[in-house]
C-alpha atoms as a PDB file:
ATOM      1  CA  UNK A   1      38.464  -6.130   8.057  1.00  0.00           C
ATOM      2  CA  UNK A   2      36.129  -4.954   5.319  1.00  0.00           C
ATOM      3  CA  UNK A   3      37.429  -3.722   2.002  1.00  0.00           C
ATOM      4  CA  UNK A   4      35.390  -2.160  -0.787  1.00  0.00           C
ATOM      5  CA  UNK A   5      36.657  -2.443  -4.344  1.00  0.00           C
ATOM      6  CA  UNK A   6      35.059  -0.534  -7.210  1.00  0.00           C
ATOM      7  CA  UNK A   7      35.320  -2.410 -10.503  1.00  0.00           C
ATOM      8  CA  UNK A   8      34.228  -1.401 -13.996  1.00  0.00           C
ATOM      9  CA  UNK A   9      31.000  -3.102 -15.078  1.00  0.00           C
ATOM     10  CA  UNK A  10      32.783  -5.342 -17.618  1.00  0.00           C
ATOM     11  CA  UNK A  11      35.138  -6.597 -14.887  1.00  0.00           C
ATOM     12  CA  UNK A  12      32.181  -7.374 -12.618  1.00  0.00           C
ATOM     13  CA  UNK A  13      30.597  -9.434 -15.412  1.00  0.00           C
ATOM     14  CA  UNK A  14      33.869 -11.318 -15.983  1.00  0.00           C
ATOM     15  CA  UNK A  15      34.314 -11.907 -12.236  1.00  0.00           C
ATOM     16  CA  UNK A  16      30.791 -13.297 -11.908  1.00  0.00           C
ATOM     17  CA  UNK A  17      31.281 -15.565 -14.949  1.00  0.00           C
ATOM     18  CA  UNK A  18      34.535 -17.005 -13.597  1.00  0.00           C
ATOM     19  CA  UNK A  19      32.994 -17.487 -10.158  1.00  0.00           C
ATOM     20  CA  UNK A  20      29.961 -19.207 -11.638  1.00  0.00           C
ATOM     21  CA  UNK A  21      32.179 -21.550 -13.662  1.00  0.00           C
ATOM     22  CA  UNK A  22      33.784 -22.616 -10.376  1.00  0.00           C
ATOM     23  CA  UNK A  23      30.463 -22.888  -8.513  1.00  0.00           C
ATOM     24  CA  UNK A  24      31.172 -20.104  -6.013  1.00  0.00           C
ATOM     25  CA  UNK A  25      29.946 -16.568  -5.445  1.00  0.00           C
ATOM     26  CA  UNK A  26      31.790 -13.609  -6.913  1.00  0.00           C
ATOM     27  CA  UNK A  27      32.841 -12.602  -3.394  1.00  0.00           C
ATOM     28  CA  UNK A  28      34.222 -16.077  -2.633  1.00  0.00           C
ATOM     29  CA  UNK A  29      36.086 -16.185  -5.942  1.00  0.00           C
ATOM     30  CA  UNK A  30      37.609 -12.726  -5.403  1.00  0.00           C
ATOM     31  CA  UNK A  31      38.711 -13.782  -1.900  1.00  0.00           C
ATOM     32  CA  UNK A  32      40.293 -16.974  -3.305  1.00  0.00           C
ATOM     33  CA  UNK A  33      42.218 -14.971  -5.900  1.00  0.00           C
ATOM     34  CA  UNK A  34      43.455 -12.481  -3.293  1.00  0.00           C
ATOM     35  CA  UNK A  35      44.490 -15.279  -0.930  1.00  0.00           C
ATOM     36  CA  UNK A  36      46.384 -17.038  -3.732  1.00  0.00           C
ATOM     37  CA  UNK A  37      48.158 -13.843  -4.707  1.00  0.00           C
ATOM     38  CA  UNK A  38      49.115 -12.965  -1.143  1.00  0.00           C
ATOM     39  CA  UNK A  39      50.418 -16.489  -0.500  1.00  0.00           C
ATOM     40  CA  UNK A  40      52.341 -16.665  -3.781  1.00  0.00           C
ATOM     41  CA  UNK A  41      56.101 -16.210  -3.816  1.00  0.00           C
ATOM     42  CA  UNK A  42      57.429 -13.010  -5.372  1.00  0.00           C
ATOM     43  CA  UNK A  43      59.073 -14.810  -8.286  1.00  0.00           C
ATOM     44  CA  UNK A  44      56.835 -16.438 -10.889  1.00  0.00           C
ATOM     45  CA  UNK A  45      56.567 -20.209 -11.013  1.00  0.00           C
ATOM     46  CA  UNK A  46      56.767 -22.182 -14.254  1.00  0.00           C
ATOM     47  CA  UNK A  47      53.345 -22.770 -15.846  1.00  0.00           C
ATOM     48  CA  UNK A  48      53.443 -26.509 -15.109  1.00  0.00           C
ATOM     49  CA  UNK A  49      53.694 -25.691 -11.382  1.00  0.00           C
ATOM     50  CA  UNK A  50      50.952 -23.038 -11.334  1.00  0.00           C
ATOM     51  CA  UNK A  51      48.039 -25.378 -12.006  1.00  0.00           C
ATOM     52  CA  UNK A  52      47.079 -28.737 -10.515  1.00  0.00           C
ATOM     53  CA  UNK A  53      45.353 -29.987 -13.646  1.00  0.00           C
ATOM     54  CA  UNK A  54      44.353 -29.103 -17.205  1.00  0.00           C
ATOM     55  CA  UNK A  55      40.910 -27.922 -16.092  1.00  0.00           C
ATOM     56  CA  UNK A  56      42.420 -25.286 -13.773  1.00  0.00           C
ATOM     57  CA  UNK A  57      44.773 -24.178 -16.522  1.00  0.00           C
ATOM     58  CA  UNK A  58      41.936 -23.750 -19.036  1.00  0.00           C
ATOM     59  CA  UNK A  59      39.628 -22.013 -16.550  1.00  0.00           C
ATOM     60  CA  UNK A  60      42.393 -19.509 -15.726  1.00  0.00           C
ATOM     61  CA  UNK A  61      43.279 -18.844 -19.350  1.00  0.00           C
ATOM     62  CA  UNK A  62      43.132 -15.198 -20.455  1.00  0.00           C
ATOM     63  CA  UNK A  63      40.538 -16.356 -22.978  1.00  0.00           C
ATOM     64  CA  UNK A  64      38.255 -18.066 -20.427  1.00  0.00           C
ATOM     65  CA  UNK A  65      34.744 -16.700 -20.763  1.00  0.00           C
ATOM     66  CA  UNK A  66      35.551 -14.931 -24.031  1.00  0.00           C
ATOM     67  CA  UNK A  67      33.108 -17.163 -25.942  1.00  0.00           C
ATOM     68  CA  UNK A  68      35.553 -17.598 -28.793  1.00  0.00           C
ATOM     69  CA  UNK A  69      34.274 -19.641 -31.697  1.00  0.00           C
ATOM     70  CA  UNK A  70      37.420 -20.793 -33.430  1.00  0.00           C
ATOM     71  CA  UNK A  71      37.234 -22.902 -36.551  1.00  0.00           C
ATOM     72  CA  UNK A  72      40.032 -24.623 -38.363  1.00  0.00           C
ATOM     73  CA  UNK A  73      40.263 -24.349 -42.124  1.00  0.00           C
ATOM     74  CA  UNK A  74      39.103 -27.589 -43.668  1.00  0.00           C
ATOM     75  CA  UNK A  75      41.009 -26.971 -46.912  1.00  0.00           C
ATOM     76  CA  UNK A  76      43.488 -29.652 -47.823  1.00  0.00           C
ATOM     77  CA  UNK A  77      47.156 -28.664 -47.685  1.00  0.00           C
ATOM     78  CA  UNK A  78      48.642 -27.540 -50.936  1.00  0.00           C
ATOM     79  CA  UNK A  79      51.156 -29.820 -52.649  1.00  0.00           C
ATOM     80  CA  UNK A  80      54.821 -28.984 -52.048  1.00  0.00           C
ATOM     81  CA  UNK A  81      57.520 -29.799 -54.575  1.00  0.00           C
ATOM     82  CA  UNK A  82      60.640 -30.790 -52.642  1.00  0.00           C
ATOM     83  CA  UNK A  83      62.803 -31.443 -55.710  1.00  0.00           C
END
């Protein structure tokens, strides 16, 4: 069976980026995602059961491919008077 899916340009870019990060084509990645979804039970699994390892968890994060540049404040903590 052939199925055509029309995606917005920004979704195509995101799909290609995620596929590239996994070393597969966009078509192969989309097929993997569909197969996973169709094989998944109807009730959600706990996060620790959804991913085999930390790498999979991070690659499937909602922020994957967002190119976030997060920096932590290097200021020292302020003194707290506990008396």
